[in-house]
N, C-alpha and C. Protein backbone atom coordinates (compact mmCIF):
# COMPACT_ATOMS: atom_id res chain seq x y z
N MET A 1 -150.60 -25.12 106.26
CA MET A 1 -149.70 -26.36 105.79
C MET A 1 -148.50 -27.12 106.43
N SER A 2 -148.29 -28.22 106.70
CA SER A 2 -147.14 -29.02 107.21
C SER A 2 -146.19 -28.44 105.83
N HIS A 3 -144.37 -28.56 106.95
CA HIS A 3 -144.02 -28.51 105.99
C HIS A 3 -143.12 -30.16 105.39
N ALA A 4 -143.46 -30.97 105.92
CA ALA A 4 -143.47 -32.28 105.01
C ALA A 4 -144.19 -32.62 103.85
N VAL A 5 -144.83 -31.00 102.93
CA VAL A 5 -145.22 -31.09 101.64
C VAL A 5 -144.50 -31.50 100.87
N ALA A 6 -142.39 -30.29 101.40
CA ALA A 6 -141.74 -30.95 100.80
C ALA A 6 -140.70 -32.29 100.57
N PHE A 7 -142.11 -32.72 101.20
CA PHE A 7 -141.18 -34.25 101.25
C PHE A 7 -141.86 -35.41 100.70
N SER A 8 -141.88 -36.43 100.02
CA SER A 8 -142.58 -36.98 99.61
C SER A 8 -141.67 -38.64 100.30
N SER A 9 -142.57 -39.78 99.89
CA SER A 9 -141.99 -41.05 100.90
C SER A 9 -142.05 -41.41 100.05
N ILE A 10 -141.57 -41.62 98.60
CA ILE A 10 -140.97 -42.74 97.37
C ILE A 10 -139.61 -43.15 98.11
N SER A 11 -139.29 -44.66 97.50
CA SER A 11 -137.98 -44.81 98.32
C SER A 11 -137.84 -45.40 97.20
N THR A 12 -138.38 -45.42 95.39
CA THR A 12 -137.98 -45.95 94.85
C THR A 12 -136.54 -45.82 94.92
N VAL A 13 -135.33 -46.87 93.80
CA VAL A 13 -134.37 -47.07 94.09
C VAL A 13 -133.87 -47.54 92.55
N ARG A 14 -132.95 -46.92 92.73
CA ARG A 14 -133.02 -47.79 90.47
C ARG A 14 -131.59 -48.15 90.36
N PHE A 15 -131.51 -49.86 89.97
CA PHE A 15 -130.06 -49.87 90.32
C PHE A 15 -128.97 -49.77 88.85
N ALA A 16 -128.69 -49.01 89.19
CA ALA A 16 -127.34 -48.41 87.68
C ALA A 16 -125.99 -48.84 88.41
N THR A 17 -125.01 -49.31 87.59
CA THR A 17 -123.93 -49.89 87.37
C THR A 17 -123.14 -48.60 88.20
N CYS A 18 -122.10 -49.14 89.62
CA CYS A 18 -121.72 -48.10 90.21
C CYS A 18 -120.19 -49.03 90.47
N GLY A 19 -119.70 -49.42 89.42
CA GLY A 19 -118.35 -49.40 89.84
C GLY A 19 -118.05 -50.87 90.82
N PRO A 20 -117.04 -50.91 91.35
CA PRO A 20 -116.63 -52.11 91.81
C PRO A 20 -116.78 -51.43 93.00
N ARG A 21 -117.53 -52.22 94.38
CA ARG A 21 -118.35 -52.31 95.48
C ARG A 21 -116.74 -52.86 96.19
N LYS A 22 -116.73 -53.06 97.38
CA LYS A 22 -115.92 -53.19 98.05
C LYS A 22 -116.52 -54.52 98.76
N LYS A 23 -115.35 -55.85 99.33
CA LYS A 23 -115.78 -56.85 99.75
C LYS A 23 -115.77 -57.09 100.73
N LYS A 24 -117.00 -57.54 101.67
CA LYS A 24 -117.04 -57.50 103.07
C LYS A 24 -115.72 -58.47 103.64
N ASP A 25 -115.57 -59.00 105.11
CA ASP A 25 -114.23 -59.54 105.10
C ASP A 25 -114.91 -60.61 105.86
N LYS A 26 -115.18 -60.81 105.94
CA LYS A 26 -115.84 -62.51 106.28
C LYS A 26 -115.44 -63.32 107.02
N ALA A 27 -113.99 -62.72 107.44
CA ALA A 27 -113.36 -62.95 108.87
C ALA A 27 -113.55 -62.44 110.49
N GLY A 28 -114.49 -61.17 109.79
CA GLY A 28 -114.68 -60.52 110.29
C GLY A 28 -115.72 -60.75 111.52
N PRO A 29 -116.18 -60.07 112.82
CA PRO A 29 -117.51 -60.32 113.76
C PRO A 29 -119.02 -59.45 112.56
N LYS A 30 -119.97 -60.16 112.28
CA LYS A 30 -121.18 -59.79 111.84
C LYS A 30 -121.97 -58.79 112.73
N GLU A 31 -121.97 -57.36 111.55
CA GLU A 31 -122.90 -56.42 111.69
C GLU A 31 -124.09 -56.87 111.63
N LYS A 32 -125.09 -56.52 112.74
CA LYS A 32 -126.51 -56.70 112.57
C LYS A 32 -127.03 -55.48 111.84
N PRO A 33 -128.27 -56.34 110.10
CA PRO A 33 -128.18 -55.19 109.23
C PRO A 33 -129.21 -54.52 109.80
N LYS A 34 -129.55 -52.78 109.20
CA LYS A 34 -130.20 -52.12 109.63
C LYS A 34 -131.69 -52.48 108.64
N SER A 35 -131.89 -53.16 107.85
CA SER A 35 -133.02 -53.99 107.06
C SER A 35 -132.61 -54.47 106.58
N VAL A 36 -133.75 -56.04 106.06
CA VAL A 36 -133.24 -56.97 105.18
C VAL A 36 -133.88 -56.55 103.54
N GLY A 37 -133.31 -57.04 102.87
CA GLY A 37 -133.32 -56.64 101.86
C GLY A 37 -133.62 -58.61 100.60
N PHE A 38 -133.85 -58.36 99.20
CA PHE A 38 -133.84 -59.65 98.62
C PHE A 38 -132.73 -60.03 98.79
N GLY A 39 -132.74 -61.43 98.97
CA GLY A 39 -131.80 -61.90 99.30
C GLY A 39 -130.41 -61.45 100.07
N GLY A 40 -130.69 -60.85 100.50
CA GLY A 40 -129.21 -59.96 101.41
C GLY A 40 -129.54 -58.47 102.63
N GLU A 41 -128.29 -58.33 102.83
CA GLU A 41 -128.46 -57.63 104.46
C GLU A 41 -128.08 -55.68 103.24
N ARG A 42 -128.86 -54.88 104.19
CA ARG A 42 -128.42 -53.90 103.44
C ARG A 42 -128.73 -53.22 104.15
N LYS A 43 -127.67 -51.74 104.72
CA LYS A 43 -127.22 -50.67 105.33
C LYS A 43 -128.49 -49.31 105.24
N GLU A 44 -128.79 -49.13 105.90
CA GLU A 44 -129.87 -47.67 105.71
C GLU A 44 -128.54 -46.81 104.28
N ALA A 45 -129.05 -45.85 103.84
CA ALA A 45 -128.27 -44.91 102.94
C ALA A 45 -128.27 -44.23 103.40
N SER A 46 -126.94 -43.50 103.97
CA SER A 46 -126.08 -42.34 104.38
C SER A 46 -126.26 -41.51 103.30
N TRP A 47 -126.81 -40.09 103.26
CA TRP A 47 -127.32 -39.17 102.19
C TRP A 47 -125.50 -38.41 101.97
N LYS A 48 -125.53 -38.24 100.81
CA LYS A 48 -124.48 -37.79 100.30
C LYS A 48 -124.83 -37.12 99.19
N CYS A 49 -124.09 -35.83 99.19
CA CYS A 49 -124.72 -34.60 97.52
C CYS A 49 -123.80 -35.06 96.85
N ALA A 50 -124.20 -35.19 95.34
CA ALA A 50 -123.73 -36.22 94.18
C ALA A 50 -122.95 -34.81 93.69
N GLN A 51 -121.79 -34.59 93.03
CA GLN A 51 -121.01 -34.10 92.16
C GLN A 51 -121.98 -34.31 90.73
N ASN A 52 -121.93 -32.56 90.56
CA ASN A 52 -122.64 -32.52 88.69
C ASN A 52 -124.12 -32.71 88.97
N CYS A 53 -124.86 -32.13 89.64
CA CYS A 53 -126.03 -32.87 89.68
C CYS A 53 -127.03 -31.57 89.82
N GLY A 54 -127.02 -30.83 91.08
CA GLY A 54 -127.82 -28.94 90.62
C GLY A 54 -129.22 -28.99 91.10
N ALA A 55 -129.80 -30.52 90.41
CA ALA A 55 -131.06 -30.54 90.95
C ALA A 55 -131.75 -29.28 92.12
N CYS A 56 -131.09 -29.52 93.71
CA CYS A 56 -131.66 -28.73 93.96
C CYS A 56 -131.68 -26.93 94.57
N CYS A 57 -130.49 -26.43 93.03
CA CYS A 57 -130.16 -25.39 92.77
C CYS A 57 -131.75 -24.74 91.98
N LYS A 58 -132.45 -25.77 91.91
CA LYS A 58 -133.51 -25.41 90.64
C LYS A 58 -134.36 -24.66 91.73
N LEU A 59 -135.07 -23.55 92.39
CA LEU A 59 -135.05 -22.90 92.83
C LEU A 59 -136.87 -22.84 93.06
N ASP A 60 -137.44 -22.32 91.64
CA ASP A 60 -138.76 -22.79 91.63
C ASP A 60 -139.26 -23.79 91.15
N LYS A 61 -139.29 -25.00 91.40
CA LYS A 61 -139.70 -26.31 91.18
C LYS A 61 -140.72 -26.77 90.79
N GLY A 62 -142.01 -25.91 90.91
CA GLY A 62 -143.35 -26.03 90.55
C GLY A 62 -144.17 -26.41 91.94
N PRO A 63 -145.72 -26.75 91.41
CA PRO A 63 -146.65 -26.26 92.54
C PRO A 63 -146.34 -28.20 93.58
N SER A 64 -146.21 -28.67 92.63
CA SER A 64 -145.53 -30.47 93.76
C SER A 64 -144.52 -29.70 94.60
N PHE A 65 -143.72 -29.02 95.24
CA PHE A 65 -143.45 -28.65 95.81
C PHE A 65 -143.62 -27.28 96.37
N ALA A 66 -143.54 -27.70 97.82
CA ALA A 66 -143.96 -26.73 99.02
C ALA A 66 -142.84 -25.43 98.60
N THR A 67 -144.14 -23.71 98.88
CA THR A 67 -142.69 -22.76 98.74
C THR A 67 -142.55 -22.42 99.48
N PRO A 68 -141.44 -21.29 99.00
CA PRO A 68 -140.95 -20.36 100.83
C PRO A 68 -141.73 -20.10 101.33
N GLU A 69 -143.07 -19.61 101.29
CA GLU A 69 -143.84 -19.08 102.45
C GLU A 69 -144.18 -20.60 103.88
N GLU A 70 -144.14 -21.86 102.90
CA GLU A 70 -144.92 -23.11 103.68
C GLU A 70 -143.28 -23.70 104.51
N ILE A 71 -142.32 -23.73 103.86
CA ILE A 71 -141.64 -23.68 104.35
C ILE A 71 -140.82 -22.94 105.74
N PHE A 72 -140.53 -21.34 105.82
CA PHE A 72 -140.03 -20.18 106.06
C PHE A 72 -140.57 -19.57 107.28
N GLN A 73 -140.56 -19.93 108.33
CA GLN A 73 -141.00 -18.71 109.54
C GLN A 73 -140.88 -17.65 109.26
N ASP A 74 -139.48 -17.38 108.82
CA ASP A 74 -138.42 -15.58 109.31
C ASP A 74 -139.37 -15.26 107.32
N PRO A 75 -139.89 -14.15 107.28
CA PRO A 75 -139.73 -13.31 105.69
C PRO A 75 -138.41 -12.87 104.92
N SER A 76 -137.65 -12.33 106.59
CA SER A 76 -136.32 -12.46 105.65
C SER A 76 -136.03 -13.02 104.89
N ASP A 77 -136.09 -14.69 105.41
CA ASP A 77 -135.67 -15.65 104.58
C ASP A 77 -136.68 -16.39 103.32
N VAL A 78 -138.00 -15.79 103.58
CA VAL A 78 -138.64 -16.35 102.20
C VAL A 78 -137.67 -14.58 100.74
N GLN A 79 -137.84 -13.83 101.78
CA GLN A 79 -137.33 -13.10 100.59
C GLN A 79 -135.97 -12.88 99.97
N LEU A 80 -135.22 -13.38 100.72
CA LEU A 80 -133.85 -13.91 100.21
C LEU A 80 -133.95 -14.84 99.19
N TYR A 81 -134.53 -16.04 99.86
CA TYR A 81 -134.72 -17.44 98.56
C TYR A 81 -135.38 -17.18 97.79
N ARG A 82 -136.74 -15.95 97.64
CA ARG A 82 -137.21 -15.73 96.46
C ARG A 82 -136.35 -14.53 95.60
N SER A 83 -135.02 -13.88 96.02
CA SER A 83 -134.14 -12.87 95.55
C SER A 83 -133.45 -14.41 94.33
N MET A 84 -132.43 -15.40 94.75
CA MET A 84 -131.95 -16.17 94.31
C MET A 84 -132.61 -16.76 93.37
N ILE A 85 -134.28 -16.67 93.02
CA ILE A 85 -134.45 -17.19 92.46
C ILE A 85 -134.47 -16.57 90.71
N GLY A 86 -133.54 -16.59 89.51
CA GLY A 86 -133.57 -16.32 88.29
C GLY A 86 -134.53 -16.14 87.14
N PRO A 87 -134.55 -16.13 86.25
CA PRO A 87 -134.96 -15.62 85.16
C PRO A 87 -135.87 -17.18 84.86
N GLU A 88 -134.50 -18.34 85.12
CA GLU A 88 -135.88 -19.89 83.86
C GLU A 88 -135.60 -20.53 85.40
N GLY A 89 -135.81 -20.54 86.78
CA GLY A 89 -136.26 -20.69 88.61
C GLY A 89 -134.45 -21.15 88.90
N TRP A 90 -133.53 -21.07 88.21
CA TRP A 90 -132.53 -21.42 88.83
C TRP A 90 -132.19 -20.37 89.63
N CYS A 91 -131.34 -20.71 90.88
CA CYS A 91 -130.62 -20.54 91.64
C CYS A 91 -129.69 -18.71 91.02
N ILE A 92 -129.54 -18.12 91.26
CA ILE A 92 -128.71 -17.10 90.54
C ILE A 92 -127.34 -17.55 90.55
N HIS A 93 -126.93 -18.28 91.76
CA HIS A 93 -125.62 -18.62 91.87
C HIS A 93 -124.83 -19.83 91.52
N PHE A 94 -125.73 -20.77 91.06
CA PHE A 94 -126.36 -21.79 89.80
C PHE A 94 -125.33 -21.73 88.37
N GLU A 95 -124.12 -21.80 88.85
CA GLU A 95 -123.29 -22.35 87.60
C GLU A 95 -124.25 -23.08 86.18
N GLN A 96 -124.56 -23.16 85.10
CA GLN A 96 -125.34 -24.41 84.53
C GLN A 96 -124.27 -25.08 83.79
N THR A 97 -122.51 -24.09 83.77
CA THR A 97 -122.23 -24.99 82.76
C THR A 97 -121.63 -25.81 83.42
N THR A 98 -120.93 -25.79 84.53
CA THR A 98 -120.15 -26.21 85.46
C THR A 98 -121.47 -26.78 86.75
N ARG A 99 -122.38 -26.75 86.56
CA ARG A 99 -123.21 -27.59 87.67
C ARG A 99 -122.31 -27.49 88.93
N THR A 100 -122.04 -26.56 89.75
CA THR A 100 -121.43 -26.00 91.03
C THR A 100 -122.01 -24.67 91.27
N CYS A 101 -121.97 -24.30 92.54
CA CYS A 101 -122.36 -23.35 92.73
C CYS A 101 -121.75 -22.49 93.31
N SER A 102 -121.66 -20.66 92.44
CA SER A 102 -120.32 -19.52 93.32
C SER A 102 -119.96 -18.98 94.31
N ILE A 103 -121.11 -19.65 95.24
CA ILE A 103 -120.86 -18.71 96.26
C ILE A 103 -120.95 -20.36 97.99
N TYR A 104 -120.97 -21.59 97.35
CA TYR A 104 -120.93 -22.60 98.32
C TYR A 104 -120.59 -22.36 99.64
N PRO A 105 -119.18 -21.81 99.62
CA PRO A 105 -118.79 -21.61 101.23
C PRO A 105 -119.59 -21.11 101.64
N ASP A 106 -120.48 -20.42 100.81
CA ASP A 106 -120.92 -18.77 102.22
C ASP A 106 -122.73 -18.91 101.67
N ARG A 107 -122.72 -20.04 100.83
CA ARG A 107 -124.43 -20.22 101.18
C ARG A 107 -125.15 -20.33 102.11
N PRO A 108 -126.90 -19.95 101.61
CA PRO A 108 -127.89 -19.72 103.01
C PRO A 108 -127.50 -20.89 103.86
N TYR A 109 -128.20 -20.71 104.92
CA TYR A 109 -128.12 -21.73 105.51
C TYR A 109 -129.17 -23.19 105.64
N PHE A 110 -130.11 -22.51 104.63
CA PHE A 110 -131.37 -23.38 104.22
C PHE A 110 -131.06 -24.53 102.56
N CYS A 111 -129.97 -23.43 101.61
CA CYS A 111 -129.24 -24.37 100.84
C CYS A 111 -128.06 -25.78 101.74
N ARG A 112 -128.46 -26.08 102.56
CA ARG A 112 -127.59 -26.53 103.30
C ARG A 112 -128.08 -27.81 103.89
N VAL A 113 -128.02 -29.31 104.02
CA VAL A 113 -128.53 -30.48 104.11
C VAL A 113 -127.93 -31.63 104.82
N GLU A 114 -128.02 -30.22 106.13
CA GLU A 114 -127.57 -31.10 107.58
C GLU A 114 -128.83 -31.20 108.35
N PRO A 115 -128.77 -32.34 109.34
CA PRO A 115 -129.68 -32.86 110.18
C PRO A 115 -130.34 -32.24 110.69
N ASP A 116 -129.86 -30.98 111.54
CA ASP A 116 -130.28 -29.74 112.61
C ASP A 116 -130.74 -28.77 111.46
N ILE A 117 -130.72 -28.53 110.13
CA ILE A 117 -131.06 -27.37 109.57
C ILE A 117 -132.76 -28.51 109.21
N PHE A 118 -132.45 -29.60 108.77
CA PHE A 118 -134.00 -30.43 108.51
C PHE A 118 -134.34 -29.85 109.53
N GLN A 119 -134.03 -30.64 110.79
CA GLN A 119 -134.85 -30.09 112.41
C GLN A 119 -136.23 -28.76 112.51
N ALA A 120 -134.84 -28.18 111.84
CA ALA A 120 -135.55 -26.42 111.90
C ALA A 120 -136.36 -26.32 111.20
N LEU A 121 -136.35 -26.27 109.73
CA LEU A 121 -137.16 -26.83 108.96
C LEU A 121 -137.87 -27.37 108.98
N TYR A 122 -138.23 -28.61 109.02
CA TYR A 122 -138.78 -30.00 108.33
C TYR A 122 -138.92 -30.00 109.59
N GLY A 123 -139.25 -30.16 110.76
CA GLY A 123 -139.04 -30.91 111.72
C GLY A 123 -138.82 -33.05 111.70
N ILE A 124 -137.72 -32.94 110.94
CA ILE A 124 -137.10 -34.24 111.11
C ILE A 124 -136.24 -34.64 111.52
N ASP A 125 -136.03 -35.28 112.16
CA ASP A 125 -135.04 -35.42 113.45
C ASP A 125 -133.32 -35.65 113.16
N GLU A 126 -132.88 -36.25 113.93
CA GLU A 126 -131.42 -36.85 112.48
C GLU A 126 -131.43 -38.50 112.62
N LYS A 127 -132.48 -38.53 113.83
CA LYS A 127 -132.65 -39.94 112.94
C LYS A 127 -132.93 -40.50 111.66
N ARG A 128 -133.89 -39.79 111.09
CA ARG A 128 -134.53 -39.63 110.31
C ARG A 128 -133.68 -38.69 108.74
N PHE A 129 -133.53 -38.68 109.51
CA PHE A 129 -132.11 -37.30 108.71
C PHE A 129 -132.31 -37.83 107.21
N ASN A 130 -131.23 -38.79 107.11
CA ASN A 130 -130.79 -39.56 106.26
C ASN A 130 -131.52 -40.20 104.93
N LYS A 131 -133.06 -40.83 105.95
CA LYS A 131 -134.06 -41.22 104.70
C LYS A 131 -134.40 -40.15 103.83
N GLU A 132 -134.88 -39.09 105.18
CA GLU A 132 -135.87 -38.40 104.46
C GLU A 132 -134.77 -37.28 103.61
N ALA A 133 -133.60 -37.03 103.28
CA ALA A 133 -132.67 -36.20 102.83
C ALA A 133 -132.12 -37.67 101.87
N CYS A 134 -131.95 -38.78 101.75
CA CYS A 134 -132.45 -39.09 100.07
C CYS A 134 -133.89 -38.87 99.38
N SER A 135 -134.60 -39.33 100.16
CA SER A 135 -136.11 -39.26 99.40
C SER A 135 -136.20 -38.06 98.72
N PHE A 136 -136.34 -37.13 99.65
CA PHE A 136 -136.09 -35.43 98.77
C PHE A 136 -135.26 -35.36 97.80
N CYS A 137 -134.01 -35.84 97.40
CA CYS A 137 -132.76 -35.52 97.04
C CYS A 137 -133.59 -36.38 95.34
N ARG A 138 -133.85 -38.17 95.71
CA ARG A 138 -134.93 -38.58 94.91
C ARG A 138 -135.15 -37.43 93.87
N ASP A 139 -136.82 -37.23 95.27
CA ASP A 139 -137.87 -36.79 94.40
C ASP A 139 -137.20 -35.35 93.46
N THR A 140 -136.45 -34.37 94.04
CA THR A 140 -135.99 -33.47 93.06
C THR A 140 -135.23 -34.09 92.20
N ILE A 141 -133.92 -34.52 92.10
CA ILE A 141 -133.61 -35.06 90.90
C ILE A 141 -134.46 -35.94 90.25
N LYS A 142 -136.16 -36.15 90.38
CA LYS A 142 -136.75 -36.67 89.05
C LYS A 142 -137.60 -35.75 88.39
N ALA A 143 -137.94 -34.70 89.03
CA ALA A 143 -138.61 -33.64 88.68
C ALA A 143 -137.94 -32.82 87.87
N ILE A 144 -136.89 -33.04 88.49
CA ILE A 144 -135.93 -31.72 87.28
C ILE A 144 -135.89 -32.63 86.16
N TYR A 145 -134.74 -33.83 86.16
CA TYR A 145 -133.89 -34.37 85.18
C TYR A 145 -134.81 -35.37 85.14
N GLY A 146 -136.02 -36.32 85.48
CA GLY A 146 -136.72 -37.39 85.08
C GLY A 146 -136.27 -38.45 85.92
N SER A 147 -137.02 -39.59 86.12
CA SER A 147 -136.87 -40.70 87.16
C SER A 147 -136.29 -41.44 85.93
N HIS A 148 -135.50 -41.04 85.18
CA HIS A 148 -134.49 -42.15 84.19
C HIS A 148 -133.41 -41.94 83.91
N SER A 149 -132.85 -40.83 84.64
CA SER A 149 -131.61 -39.53 84.57
C SER A 149 -130.55 -39.89 85.02
N LYS A 150 -129.37 -40.06 84.01
CA LYS A 150 -128.27 -39.89 84.04
C LYS A 150 -128.12 -39.30 85.74
N GLU A 151 -128.88 -38.32 86.39
CA GLU A 151 -128.50 -37.08 87.61
C GLU A 151 -128.89 -38.18 88.72
N LEU A 152 -130.12 -39.41 88.48
CA LEU A 152 -130.43 -39.79 89.20
C LEU A 152 -130.15 -41.77 89.75
N ASP A 153 -129.37 -41.89 88.31
CA ASP A 153 -128.33 -43.67 88.80
C ASP A 153 -126.97 -42.81 89.62
N ASN A 154 -127.03 -41.99 89.53
CA ASN A 154 -125.34 -41.07 89.34
C ASN A 154 -125.64 -40.37 91.47
N PHE A 155 -126.35 -39.77 91.91
CA PHE A 155 -127.15 -39.14 93.10
C PHE A 155 -127.21 -41.61 93.81
N ASN A 156 -127.84 -42.11 93.59
CA ASN A 156 -128.28 -43.06 93.93
C ASN A 156 -126.97 -43.90 93.67
N CYS A 157 -125.88 -44.24 93.21
CA CYS A 157 -124.73 -44.43 92.82
C CYS A 157 -123.13 -44.00 94.52
N THR A 158 -123.57 -42.60 94.14
CA THR A 158 -123.35 -42.00 95.89
C THR A 158 -123.93 -41.97 96.56
N ILE A 159 -124.92 -42.54 96.99
CA ILE A 159 -125.27 -42.83 98.23
C ILE A 159 -125.22 -44.40 98.02
N ARG A 160 -124.81 -45.25 97.78
CA ARG A 160 -124.85 -46.56 98.46
C ARG A 160 -123.26 -47.18 98.68
N ASN A 161 -122.67 -46.03 97.43
CA ASN A 161 -121.35 -46.37 97.91
C ASN A 161 -120.61 -45.63 99.29
N THR A 162 -121.55 -44.24 99.91
CA THR A 162 -121.48 -44.12 100.84
C THR A 162 -121.74 -45.16 101.53
N SER A 163 -122.58 -45.68 101.74
CA SER A 163 -123.24 -46.51 102.51
C SER A 163 -122.60 -47.72 102.99
N SER A 164 -121.97 -48.46 102.23
CA SER A 164 -121.27 -49.57 101.84
C SER A 164 -119.68 -49.00 102.20
N SER A 165 -119.63 -48.48 102.86
CA SER A 165 -118.02 -47.37 103.03
C SER A 165 -117.42 -47.58 104.24
């Protein structure tokens, strides 16, 4: 089975209030937009982890997501991943009250959202990394918290603010 199962191409963005945006300098040279949206220029979103989310720490996500056996080539990675799943499907290292990882600096490579890891695990090249990582996060957040959740709003604000910096 293809590693692309872990990703879908849903790219629906909900528009939430993200606080003040930086104003663009009208005096400087204009950048060519990466894409054009309704009524204006829009830069491609850059992936960034949104704090107080943890949707990716729900390791047993259900049948709509790829299994560890579909993702990993190395059986020891499958074994490690499975050993991290707690009784309710959450990672045993995820602190649900604070929504933080207790082993964050030492977390396994597959818990890291980085271009080289997406290339190795999913065959996603660096050029497509931001788009695919953002799409994956949105899909995971929707599956875990719902499509009208504050976590999804927070993620969309986080990547929007990162992209407009």
